[in-house]
Amino acid sequence: MTEIWGSSDFAYICLKDTVRTTSFRTAIERTVQPGDVVLEVGAGTGILSLFAATAGARKVFAVEIDEYLCECLAETVRANGLTGIIEIL
């Protein structure tokens, strides 16, 4: 079990689960209020951070230990114009 949680691929496999991803998006949109500060621990692809930022969070801290995932997330944040909102740690 430890191997799957340490795999960069696992984060992307989760994105393919559209029911899971859509459910998280709905929950975040219902919970995050404009101006909130959000912490995502184990950000992986950062999809939840992106949802929080687009829901109105003024700051999102995306914490991820996997360097490769951090690099990918940084590209995604830049591509979506969210560098001033999402900070990757």
PDB file of N, CA and C in Angstrom:
ATOM      1  N   MET A   1       0.817  -1.197   0.000  1.00  0.00           N
ATOM      2  CA  MET A   1       0.000   0.000   0.000  1.00  0.00           C
ATOM      3  C   MET A   1       0.857   1.255   0.000  1.00  0.00           C
ATOM      4  N   THR A   2       1.984   1.230   0.660  1.00  0.00           N
ATOM      5  CA  THR A   2       2.851   2.399   0.723  1.00  0.00           C
ATOM      6  C   THR A   2       3.309   2.822  -0.660  1.00  0.00           C
ATOM      7  N   GLU A   3       3.592   1.869  -1.532  1.00  0.00           N
ATOM      8  CA  GLU A   3       4.100   2.189  -2.864  1.00  0.00           C
ATOM      9  C   GLU A   3       3.115   3.028  -3.667  1.00  0.00           C
ATOM     10  N   ILE A   4       1.845   2.729  -3.609  1.00  0.00           N
ATOM     11  CA  ILE A   4       0.867   3.471  -4.414  1.00  0.00           C
ATOM     12  C   ILE A   4       0.745   4.912  -3.921  1.00  0.00           C
ATOM     13  N   TRP A   5       0.859   5.139  -2.617  1.00  0.00           N
ATOM     14  CA  TRP A   5       0.733   6.496  -2.100  1.00  0.00           C
ATOM     15  C   TRP A   5       1.968   7.324  -2.389  1.00  0.00           C
ATOM     16  N   GLY A   6       3.086   6.695  -2.693  1.00  0.00           N
ATOM     17  CA  GLY A   6       4.304   7.420  -3.002  1.00  0.00           C
ATOM     18  C   GLY A   6       4.487   7.629  -4.489  1.00  0.00           C
ATOM     19  N   SER A   7       3.571   7.146  -5.278  1.00  0.00           N
ATOM     20  CA  SER A   7       3.699   7.209  -6.726  1.00  0.00           C
ATOM     21  C   SER A   7       3.081   8.481  -7.292  1.00  0.00           C
ATOM     22  N   SER A   8       3.846   9.173  -8.128  1.00  0.00           N
ATOM     23  CA  SER A   8       3.314  10.368  -8.794  1.00  0.00           C
ATOM     24  C   SER A   8       2.129  10.019  -9.679  1.00  0.00           C
ATOM     25  N   ASP A   9       2.126   8.806 -10.202  1.00  0.00           N
ATOM     26  CA  ASP A   9       1.041   8.387 -11.087  1.00  0.00           C
ATOM     27  C   ASP A   9      -0.303   8.331 -10.366  1.00  0.00           C
ATOM     28  N   PHE A  10      -0.298   8.020  -9.093  1.00  0.00           N
ATOM     29  CA  PHE A  10      -1.549   7.863  -8.347  1.00  0.00           C
ATOM     30  C   PHE A  10      -2.384   9.139  -8.383  1.00  0.00           C
ATOM     31  N   ALA A  11      -1.726  10.279  -8.278  1.00  0.00           N
ATOM     32  CA  ALA A  11      -2.456  11.557  -8.298  1.00  0.00           C
ATOM     33  C   ALA A  11      -3.208  11.740  -9.610  1.00  0.00           C
ATOM     34  N   TYR A  12      -2.608  11.307 -10.694  1.00  0.00           N
ATOM     35  CA  TYR A  12      -3.255  11.448 -11.998  1.00  0.00           C
ATOM     36  C   TYR A  12      -4.336  10.392 -12.214  1.00  0.00           C
ATOM     37  N   ILE A  13      -4.155   9.236 -11.609  1.00  0.00           N
ATOM     38  CA  ILE A  13      -5.189   8.200 -11.676  1.00  0.00           C
ATOM     39  C   ILE A  13      -6.466   8.708 -10.995  1.00  0.00           C
ATOM     40  N   CYS A  14      -6.297   9.425  -9.889  1.00  0.00           N
ATOM     41  CA  CYS A  14      -7.457   9.974  -9.171  1.00  0.00           C
ATOM     42  C   CYS A  14      -8.252  10.945 -10.040  1.00  0.00           C
ATOM     43  N   LEU A  15      -7.558  11.699 -10.892  1.00  0.00           N
ATOM     44  CA  LEU A  15      -8.251  12.660 -11.759  1.00  0.00           C
ATOM     45  C   LEU A  15      -9.203  11.970 -12.733  1.00  0.00           C
ATOM     46  N   LYS A  16      -8.904  10.737 -13.078  1.00  0.00           N
ATOM     47  CA  LYS A  16      -9.757  10.005 -14.013  1.00  0.00           C
ATOM     48  C   LYS A  16     -11.083   9.583 -13.384  1.00  0.00           C
ATOM     49  N   ASP A  17     -11.138   9.611 -12.066  1.00  0.00           N
ATOM     50  CA  ASP A  17     -12.370   9.274 -11.361  1.00  0.00           C
ATOM     51  C   ASP A  17     -13.256  10.527 -11.348  1.00  0.00           C
ATOM     52  N   THR A  18     -14.057  10.670 -12.393  1.00  0.00           N
ATOM     53  CA  THR A  18     -14.834  11.900 -12.561  1.00  0.00           C
ATOM     54  C   THR A  18     -15.889  12.083 -11.465  1.00  0.00           C
ATOM     55  N   VAL A  19     -16.430  11.010 -10.949  1.00  0.00           N
ATOM     56  CA  VAL A  19     -17.422  11.126  -9.872  1.00  0.00           C
ATOM     57  C   VAL A  19     -16.751  11.717  -8.634  1.00  0.00           C
ATOM     58  N   ARG A  20     -15.580  11.213  -8.293  1.00  0.00           N
ATOM     59  CA  ARG A  20     -14.816  11.706  -7.139  1.00  0.00           C
ATOM     60  C   ARG A  20     -14.442  13.170  -7.338  1.00  0.00           C
ATOM     61  N   THR A  21     -13.871  13.486  -8.486  1.00  0.00           N
ATOM     62  CA  THR A  21     -13.409  14.841  -8.758  1.00  0.00           C
ATOM     63  C   THR A  21     -14.564  15.837  -8.765  1.00  0.00           C
ATOM     64  N   THR A  22     -15.662  15.468  -9.379  1.00  0.00           N
ATOM     65  CA  THR A  22     -16.838  16.338  -9.429  1.00  0.00           C
ATOM     66  C   THR A  22     -17.420  16.541  -8.033  1.00  0.00           C
ATOM     67  N   SER A  23     -17.431  15.495  -7.222  1.00  0.00           N
ATOM     68  CA  SER A  23     -17.941  15.602  -5.851  1.00  0.00           C
ATOM     69  C   SER A  23     -17.091  16.559  -5.021  1.00  0.00           C
ATOM     70  N   PHE A  24     -15.765  16.444  -5.157  1.00  0.00           N
ATOM     71  CA  PHE A  24     -14.873  17.368  -4.453  1.00  0.00           C
ATOM     72  C   PHE A  24     -15.090  18.800  -4.924  1.00  0.00           C
ATOM     73  N   ARG A  25     -15.242  18.981  -6.218  1.00  0.00           N
ATOM     74  CA  ARG A  25     -15.447  20.335  -6.749  1.00  0.00           C
ATOM     75  C   ARG A  25     -16.726  20.947  -6.183  1.00  0.00           C
ATOM     76  N   THR A  26     -17.796  20.174  -6.180  1.00  0.00           N
ATOM     77  CA  THR A  26     -19.070  20.649  -5.650  1.00  0.00           C
ATOM     78  C   THR A  26     -18.937  21.027  -4.177  1.00  0.00           C
ATOM     79  N   ALA A  27     -18.278  20.181  -3.395  1.00  0.00           N
ATOM     80  CA  ALA A  27     -18.094  20.454  -1.967  1.00  0.00           C
ATOM     81  C   ALA A  27     -17.273  21.723  -1.740  1.00  0.00           C
ATOM     82  N   ILE A  28     -16.224  21.889  -2.526  1.00  0.00           N
ATOM     83  CA  ILE A  28     -15.377  23.079  -2.383  1.00  0.00           C
ATOM     84  C   ILE A  28     -16.151  24.334  -2.781  1.00  0.00           C
ATOM     85  N   GLU A  29     -16.894  24.268  -3.860  1.00  0.00           N
ATOM     86  CA  GLU A  29     -17.676  25.430  -4.295  1.00  0.00           C
ATOM     87  C   GLU A  29     -18.725  25.825  -3.265  1.00  0.00           C
ATOM     88  N   ARG A  30     -19.246  24.851  -2.526  1.00  0.00           N
ATOM     89  CA  ARG A  30     -20.248  25.126  -1.495  1.00  0.00           C
ATOM     90  C   ARG A  30     -19.626  25.628  -0.198  1.00  0.00           C
ATOM     91  N   THR A  31     -18.336  25.360  -0.003  1.00  0.00           N
ATOM     92  CA  THR A  31     -17.686  25.650   1.269  1.00  0.00           C
ATOM     93  C   THR A  31     -16.798  26.884   1.228  1.00  0.00           C
ATOM     94  N   VAL A  32     -15.980  26.996   0.202  1.00  0.00           N
ATOM     95  CA  VAL A  32     -15.015  28.101   0.126  1.00  0.00           C
ATOM     96  C   VAL A  32     -15.742  29.399  -0.208  1.00  0.00           C
ATOM     97  N   GLN A  33     -15.484  30.412   0.610  1.00  0.00           N
ATOM     98  CA  GLN A  33     -16.095  31.723   0.427  1.00  0.00           C
ATOM     99  C   GLN A  33     -15.051  32.694  -0.115  1.00  0.00           C
ATOM    100  N   PRO A  34     -15.482  33.703  -0.864  1.00  0.00           N
ATOM    101  CA  PRO A  34     -14.535  34.713  -1.341  1.00  0.00           C
ATOM    102  C   PRO A  34     -13.725  35.282  -0.176  1.00  0.00           C
ATOM    103  N   GLY A  35     -12.401  35.318  -0.360  1.00  0.00           N
ATOM    104  CA  GLY A  35     -11.515  35.846   0.662  1.00  0.00           C
ATOM    105  C   GLY A  35     -10.940  34.807   1.605  1.00  0.00           C
ATOM    106  N   ASP A  36     -11.412  33.578   1.544  1.00  0.00           N
ATOM    107  CA  ASP A  36     -10.901  32.517   2.419  1.00  0.00           C
ATOM    108  C   ASP A  36      -9.433  32.220   2.119  1.00  0.00           C
ATOM    109  N   VAL A  37      -8.767  31.669   3.123  1.00  0.00           N
ATOM    110  CA  VAL A  37      -7.422  31.116   2.969  1.00  0.00           C
ATOM    111  C   VAL A  37      -7.572  29.601   3.113  1.00  0.00           C
ATOM    112  N   VAL A  38      -7.012  28.863   2.156  1.00  0.00           N
ATOM    113  CA  VAL A  38      -7.194  27.414   2.097  1.00  0.00           C
ATOM    114  C   VAL A  38      -5.842  26.716   2.143  1.00  0.00           C
ATOM    115  N   LEU A  39      -5.779  25.589   2.825  1.00  0.00           N
ATOM    116  CA  LEU A  39      -4.591  24.752   2.892  1.00  0.00           C
ATOM    117  C   LEU A  39      -4.938  23.386   2.324  1.00  0.00           C
ATOM    118  N   GLU A  40      -4.209  22.976   1.287  1.00  0.00           N
ATOM    119  CA  GLU A  40      -4.362  21.622   0.750  1.00  0.00           C
ATOM    120  C   GLU A  40      -3.074  20.867   1.040  1.00  0.00           C
ATOM    121  N   VAL A  41      -3.169  19.853   1.888  1.00  0.00           N
ATOM    122  CA  VAL A  41      -2.007  19.050   2.256  1.00  0.00           C
ATOM    123  C   VAL A  41      -2.023  17.773   1.425  1.00  0.00           C
ATOM    124  N   GLY A  42      -0.884  17.499   0.775  1.00  0.00           N
ATOM    125  CA  GLY A  42      -0.824  16.362  -0.140  1.00  0.00           C
ATOM    126  C   GLY A  42      -1.508  16.739  -1.434  1.00  0.00           C
ATOM    127  N   ALA A  43      -1.125  17.879  -1.982  1.00  0.00           N
ATOM    128  CA  ALA A  43      -1.839  18.478  -3.112  1.00  0.00           C
ATOM    129  C   ALA A  43      -1.822  17.635  -4.382  1.00  0.00           C
ATOM    130  N   GLY A  44      -0.804  16.828  -4.579  1.00  0.00           N
ATOM    131  CA  GLY A  44      -0.758  16.012  -5.793  1.00  0.00           C
ATOM    132  C   GLY A  44      -0.797  16.887  -7.034  1.00  0.00           C
ATOM    133  N   THR A  45      -1.817  16.709  -7.850  1.00  0.00           N
ATOM    134  CA  THR A  45      -1.972  17.512  -9.066  1.00  0.00           C
ATOM    135  C   THR A  45      -2.411  18.934  -8.757  1.00  0.00           C
ATOM    136  N   GLY A  46      -2.939  19.155  -7.557  1.00  0.00           N
ATOM    137  CA  GLY A  46      -3.401  20.476  -7.166  1.00  0.00           C
ATOM    138  C   GLY A  46      -4.802  20.806  -7.629  1.00  0.00           C
ATOM    139  N   ILE A  47      -5.526  19.808  -8.081  1.00  0.00           N
ATOM    140  CA  ILE A  47      -6.867  20.066  -8.609  1.00  0.00           C
ATOM    141  C   ILE A  47      -7.766  20.708  -7.550  1.00  0.00           C
ATOM    142  N   LEU A  48      -7.620  20.286  -6.288  1.00  0.00           N
ATOM    143  CA  LEU A  48      -8.462  20.869  -5.241  1.00  0.00           C
ATOM    144  C   LEU A  48      -8.060  22.308  -4.957  1.00  0.00           C
ATOM    145  N   SER A  49      -6.772  22.600  -5.065  1.00  0.00           N
ATOM    146  CA  SER A  49      -6.302  23.980  -4.915  1.00  0.00           C
ATOM    147  C   SER A  49      -6.864  24.850  -6.029  1.00  0.00           C
ATOM    148  N   LEU A  50      -6.879  24.323  -7.241  1.00  0.00           N
ATOM    149  CA  LEU A  50      -7.449  25.068  -8.365  1.00  0.00           C
ATOM    150  C   LEU A  50      -8.929  25.336  -8.134  1.00  0.00           C
ATOM    151  N   PHE A  51      -9.646  24.336  -7.650  1.00  0.00           N
ATOM    152  CA  PHE A  51     -11.070  24.520  -7.357  1.00  0.00           C
ATOM    153  C   PHE A  51     -11.266  25.598  -6.292  1.00  0.00           C
ATOM    154  N   ALA A  52     -10.437  25.569  -5.250  1.00  0.00           N
ATOM    155  CA  ALA A  52     -10.564  26.553  -4.171  1.00  0.00           C
ATOM    156  C   ALA A  52     -10.278  27.965  -4.678  1.00  0.00           C
ATOM    157  N   ALA A  53      -9.255  28.085  -5.511  1.00  0.00           N
ATOM    158  CA  ALA A  53      -8.901  29.400  -6.059  1.00  0.00           C
ATOM    159  C   ALA A  53     -10.021  29.943  -6.940  1.00  0.00           C
ATOM    160  N   THR A  54     -10.595  29.096  -7.774  1.00  0.00           N
ATOM    161  CA  THR A  54     -11.665  29.563  -8.660  1.00  0.00           C
ATOM    162  C   THR A  54     -12.975  29.782  -7.901  1.00  0.00           C
ATOM    163  N   ALA A  55     -13.078  29.192  -6.699  1.00  0.00           N
ATOM    164  CA  ALA A  55     -14.266  29.413  -5.860  1.00  0.00           C
ATOM    165  C   ALA A  55     -14.179  30.732  -5.110  1.00  0.00           C
ATOM    166  N   GLY A  56     -13.005  31.389  -5.177  1.00  0.00           N
ATOM    167  CA  GLY A  56     -12.887  32.703  -4.562  1.00  0.00           C
ATOM    168  C   GLY A  56     -11.873  32.848  -3.451  1.00  0.00           C
ATOM    169  N   ALA A  57     -11.160  31.766  -3.127  1.00  0.00           N
ATOM    170  CA  ALA A  57     -10.149  31.886  -2.071  1.00  0.00           C
ATOM    171  C   ALA A  57      -9.139  32.958  -2.461  1.00  0.00           C
ATOM    172  N   ARG A  58      -8.742  33.778  -1.492  1.00  0.00           N
ATOM    173  CA  ARG A  58      -7.748  34.817  -1.801  1.00  0.00           C
ATOM    174  C   ARG A  58      -6.350  34.245  -1.777  1.00  0.00           C
ATOM    175  N   LYS A  59      -6.144  33.138  -1.027  1.00  0.00           N
ATOM    176  CA  LYS A  59      -4.851  32.483  -0.955  1.00  0.00           C
ATOM    177  C   LYS A  59      -5.062  30.994  -0.744  1.00  0.00           C
ATOM    178  N   VAL A  60      -4.300  30.194  -1.489  1.00  0.00           N
ATOM    179  CA  VAL A  60      -4.336  28.750  -1.333  1.00  0.00           C
ATOM    180  C   VAL A  60      -2.895  28.269  -1.174  1.00  0.00           C
ATOM    181  N   PHE A  61      -2.637  27.547  -0.100  1.00  0.00           N
ATOM    182  CA  PHE A  61      -1.331  26.938   0.115  1.00  0.00           C
ATOM    183  C   PHE A  61      -1.443  25.463  -0.260  1.00  0.00           C
ATOM    184  N   ALA A  62      -0.726  25.068  -1.302  1.00  0.00           N
ATOM    185  CA  ALA A  62      -0.735  23.694  -1.786  1.00  0.00           C
ATOM    186  C   ALA A  62       0.557  23.027  -1.337  1.00  0.00           C
ATOM    187  N   VAL A  63       0.465  22.112  -0.390  1.00  0.00           N
ATOM    188  CA  VAL A  63       1.636  21.447   0.173  1.00  0.00           C
ATOM    189  C   VAL A  63       1.787  20.077  -0.493  1.00  0.00           C
ATOM    190  N   GLU A  64       2.969  19.829  -1.055  1.00  0.00           N
ATOM    191  CA  GLU A  64       3.235  18.556  -1.733  1.00  0.00           C
ATOM    192  C   GLU A  64       4.698  18.185  -1.539  1.00  0.00           C
ATOM    193  N   ILE A  65       4.963  16.935  -1.229  1.00  0.00           N
ATOM    194  CA  ILE A  65       6.325  16.467  -0.984  1.00  0.00           C
ATOM    195  C   ILE A  65       7.015  15.992  -2.266  1.00  0.00           C
ATOM    196  N   ASP A  66       6.246  15.543  -3.245  1.00  0.00           N
ATOM    197  CA  ASP A  66       6.807  14.998  -4.487  1.00  0.00           C
ATOM    198  C   ASP A  66       7.263  16.151  -5.393  1.00  0.00           C
ATOM    199  N   GLU A  67       8.560  16.229  -5.637  1.00  0.00           N
ATOM    200  CA  GLU A  67       9.117  17.334  -6.424  1.00  0.00           C
ATOM    201  C   GLU A  67       8.549  17.381  -7.843  1.00  0.00           C
ATOM    202  N   TYR A  68       8.369  16.217  -8.455  1.00  0.00           N
ATOM    203  CA  TYR A  68       7.828  16.175  -9.814  1.00  0.00           C
ATOM    204  C   TYR A  68       6.418  16.753  -9.844  1.00  0.00           C
ATOM    205  N   LEU A  69       5.591  16.351  -8.892  1.00  0.00           N
ATOM    206  CA  LEU A  69       4.231  16.876  -8.833  1.00  0.00           C
ATOM    207  C   LEU A  69       4.237  18.382  -8.583  1.00  0.00           C
ATOM    208  N   CYS A  70       5.163  18.855  -7.774  1.00  0.00           N
ATOM    209  CA  CYS A  70       5.287  20.307  -7.533  1.00  0.00           C
ATOM    210  C   CYS A  70       5.610  21.048  -8.826  1.00  0.00           C
ATOM    211  N   GLU A  71       6.511  20.489  -9.615  1.00  0.00           N
ATOM    212  CA  GLU A  71       6.866  21.112 -10.894  1.00  0.00           C
ATOM    213  C   GLU A  71       5.658  21.154 -11.832  1.00  0.00           C
ATOM    214  N   CYS A  72       4.935  20.043 -11.898  1.00  0.00           N
ATOM    215  CA  CYS A  72       3.739  19.989 -12.757  1.00  0.00           C
ATOM    216  C   CYS A  72       2.680  20.969 -12.268  1.00  0.00           C
ATOM    217  N   LEU A  73       2.489  21.014 -10.964  1.00  0.00           N
ATOM    218  CA  LEU A  73       1.501  21.922 -10.391  1.00  0.00           C
ATOM    219  C   LEU A  73       1.879  23.376 -10.650  1.00  0.00           C
ATOM    220  N   ALA A  74       3.159  23.690 -10.557  1.00  0.00           N
ATOM    221  CA  ALA A  74       3.606  25.059 -10.830  1.00  0.00           C
ATOM    222  C   ALA A  74       3.272  25.464 -12.266  1.00  0.00           C
ATOM    223  N   GLU A  75       3.457  24.549 -13.200  1.00  0.00           N
ATOM    224  CA  GLU A  75       3.100  24.832 -14.598  1.00  0.00           C
ATOM    225  C   GLU A  75       1.600  25.048 -14.746  1.00  0.00           C
ATOM    226  N   THR A  76       0.816  24.228 -14.071  1.00  0.00           N
ATOM    227  CA  THR A  76      -0.645  24.345 -14.129  1.00  0.00           C
ATOM    228  C   THR A  76      -1.110  25.676 -13.541  1.00  0.00           C
ATOM    229  N   VAL A  77      -0.523  26.051 -12.417  1.00  0.00           N
ATOM    230  CA  VAL A  77      -0.886  27.317 -11.768  1.00  0.00           C
ATOM    231  C   VAL A  77      -0.578  28.483 -12.702  1.00  0.00           C
ATOM    232  N   ARG A  78       0.608  28.468 -13.315  1.00  0.00           N
ATOM    233  CA  ARG A  78       0.983  29.540 -14.256  1.00  0.00           C
ATOM    234  C   ARG A  78       0.036  29.567 -15.450  1.00  0.00           C
ATOM    235  N   ALA A  79      -0.256  28.403 -16.009  1.00  0.00           N
ATOM    236  CA  ALA A  79      -1.116  28.311 -17.195  1.00  0.00           C
ATOM    237  C   ALA A  79      -2.519  28.829 -16.931  1.00  0.00           C
ATOM    238  N   ASN A  80      -2.944  28.753 -15.675  1.00  0.00           N
ATOM    239  CA  ASN A  80      -4.287  29.204 -15.311  1.00  0.00           C
ATOM    240  C   ASN A  80      -4.306  30.599 -14.694  1.00  0.00           C
ATOM    241  N   GLY A  81      -3.158  31.274 -14.706  1.00  0.00           N
ATOM    242  CA  GLY A  81      -3.089  32.635 -14.195  1.00  0.00           C
ATOM    243  C   GLY A  81      -3.367  32.758 -12.711  1.00  0.00           C
ATOM    244  N   LEU A  82      -2.961  31.753 -11.930  1.00  0.00           N
ATOM    245  CA  LEU A  82      -3.268  31.742 -10.505  1.00  0.00           C
ATOM    246  C   LEU A  82      -2.027  31.871  -9.626  1.00  0.00           C
ATOM    247  N   THR A  83      -0.925  32.371 -10.173  1.00  0.00           N
ATOM    248  CA  THR A  83       0.314  32.460  -9.397  1.00  0.00           C
ATOM    249  C   THR A  83       0.200  33.375  -8.187  1.00  0.00           C
ATOM    250  N   GLY A  84      -0.655  34.354  -8.232  1.00  0.00           N
ATOM    251  CA  GLY A  84      -0.832  35.246  -7.089  1.00  0.00           C
ATOM    252  C   GLY A  84      -1.727  34.673  -6.016  1.00  0.00           C
ATOM    253  N   ILE A  85      -2.399  33.582  -6.324  1.00  0.00           N
ATOM    254  CA  ILE A  85      -3.333  32.982  -5.359  1.00  0.00           C
ATOM    255  C   ILE A  85      -2.808  31.671  -4.788  1.00  0.00           C
ATOM    256  N   ILE A  86      -2.318  30.780  -5.655  1.00  0.00           N
ATOM    257  CA  ILE A  86      -1.856  29.470  -5.200  1.00  0.00           C
ATOM    258  C   ILE A  86      -0.352  29.504  -4.972  1.00  0.00           C
ATOM    259  N   GLU A  87       0.059  29.171  -3.745  1.00  0.00           N
ATOM    260  CA  GLU A  87       1.464  29.074  -3.394  1.00  0.00           C
ATOM    261  C   GLU A  87       1.785  27.611  -3.131  1.00  0.00           C
ATOM    262  N   ILE A  88       2.777  27.093  -3.813  1.00  0.00           N
ATOM    263  CA  ILE A  88       3.148  25.689  -3.687  1.00  0.00           C
ATOM    264  C   ILE A  88       4.274  25.562  -2.673  1.00  0.00           C
ATOM    265  N   LEU A  89       4.058  24.739  -1.696  1.00  0.00           N
ATOM    266  CA  LEU A  89       5.059  24.493  -0.645  1.00  0.00           C
ATOM    267  C   LEU A  89       5.476  23.039  -0.671  1.00  0.00           C
TER     268      LEU A  89
END
